[in-house]
Amino acid sequence: MIQDGAAELFKDLGEIDSGQFEHYEPEEEMILNMGPQHPSTHGVLNFIVFTDGEVIRKAVPDIGYLHRSIEKIGETVTWPGFMPYTDRVDYVAAMTANEGYAMAVEKLMGLAVPKRAHYCRAIASELGRIASHMIALGAIAMDIGAVTPFLWCIGHRERINDLLEELCGARLTFNYVRIGGVSWDLPDGYAAKTNKFLDEFIGSLYEFQNLISNNPIFVERLRNVAIVTRDEAIDYNLVGPNLRASGVDWDLRRDMPYSIYPELTFRVPVGQGWAGTVGDSYDRFYLRFLEIQESAFMVRQCLLQMEPGEIMAKVPRNLKPPAGEAYARVEAARGDMGYYVVSDGGPIAYRVRARTGSFAAMGMIEAKSRGLMVADLVAFIASLDVVAPEIDR
């Protein structure tokens, strides 16, 4: 909301009628650095905030603090050797980052992945999506003052990490997917253990619903804050939950299906203005809550439907994809993640590029921050669920 007395400061934005503030004399403008070590920026991100008191004129993202040349590394190591680096593209939900790169190379080679491997990938990816969304929900609550929900979410994420650790031995930067399949099959008793966790987890979501989702104070802090309309979401190329929260019914798993998703049944939640206006910060929060339930349902289906079989295709030890280019997309936790690879026929990629959802979301912040209160900027950034490695690479 733009408070009384902000017209002169905002007159160059063309968003309000300055006539109603014709007697206003602007106060001194403050320029603040929010970051790069601020806990609410979700990583080493910085926002240069121009304010008049508590009212923001604009907040400009200042990125690059985590740039590690990951894409360039992909052009200096072997094709399989780049797989561990994909974990770092999104370390909060690394499984889908693995899968996207593997799919691009497989497409380049015309390689058919065994069906059981597809199921293993889907199980790992959807568990990773749940874990990622738990961090998002807990962080949104903590950023606006509620610490307990974050600890509750972390507790459940740790149990998911236990399950993922059984698959690949890691708890954060997972290295499970391989070009042509996955590294290991599901261990004995994995289905029963996962279903037991899901039974307890889905039941406990009602606690979260009562504690946070329906909490009047929490709702008021998010409803009608930083509304992103359907047209704005499309124009700024938002993806994933941020796009769907603005009322755009689009999900790669359903609309451009890959892997085993055509054989799964699931709903695609779309923002409805659950507490305020479609596309507000509460919609971005609550849509992820609903997606968690759908991901749990998909994991159950995979465990029920998968049959014994191979988990790896026959891939040459000295991998040299034929000369050409390929692009593959996956529905990551933060939306459409794409890998573009170019081969010159050698053992090392000629070009590797990644497209991520967080980078696109950062483009919204300067435009939608105008007129927000400083405290609402924190809620807006949290609702976008950006992570620094997806932005810098």
Foldseek 3Di string as FASTA:
>chain_A
DFDAQCCVVQVVVPPDDSVVNVVHDADDKDWDWCDLPHPLLFHRKIWTFIDRVQWTQFTATDFDPPFDPLQVVLQVDFLQVSLLSLLLLDQQQSLVSSVQSLVFLCVLQVADADQQLLLVSLLSRLLSLLLLLLCLLQSLCVLLPDNVSNVVSVVLSVLSLVLQCQQAVDRTSGRFAGNFFGDDHRDPPSLVSLVVSLVVVVVCVVVVCVPALPDVVNLVLWAPFLAQAQVNCVVLVAFDLLNQQNPDQDACCPPVNDRCSVVDDFDQHGHDSPPHDRRILSSLSVSSVVSSVRSSRRSNVSSVPDDDDDRGDDADPQHFRDFDKGKGWHQHSRGTKMWIWGGNRHRGTNGIDMQDNLQSVSVSRRVSSRGDGNSSSSSVSSSSSHHRSNNND
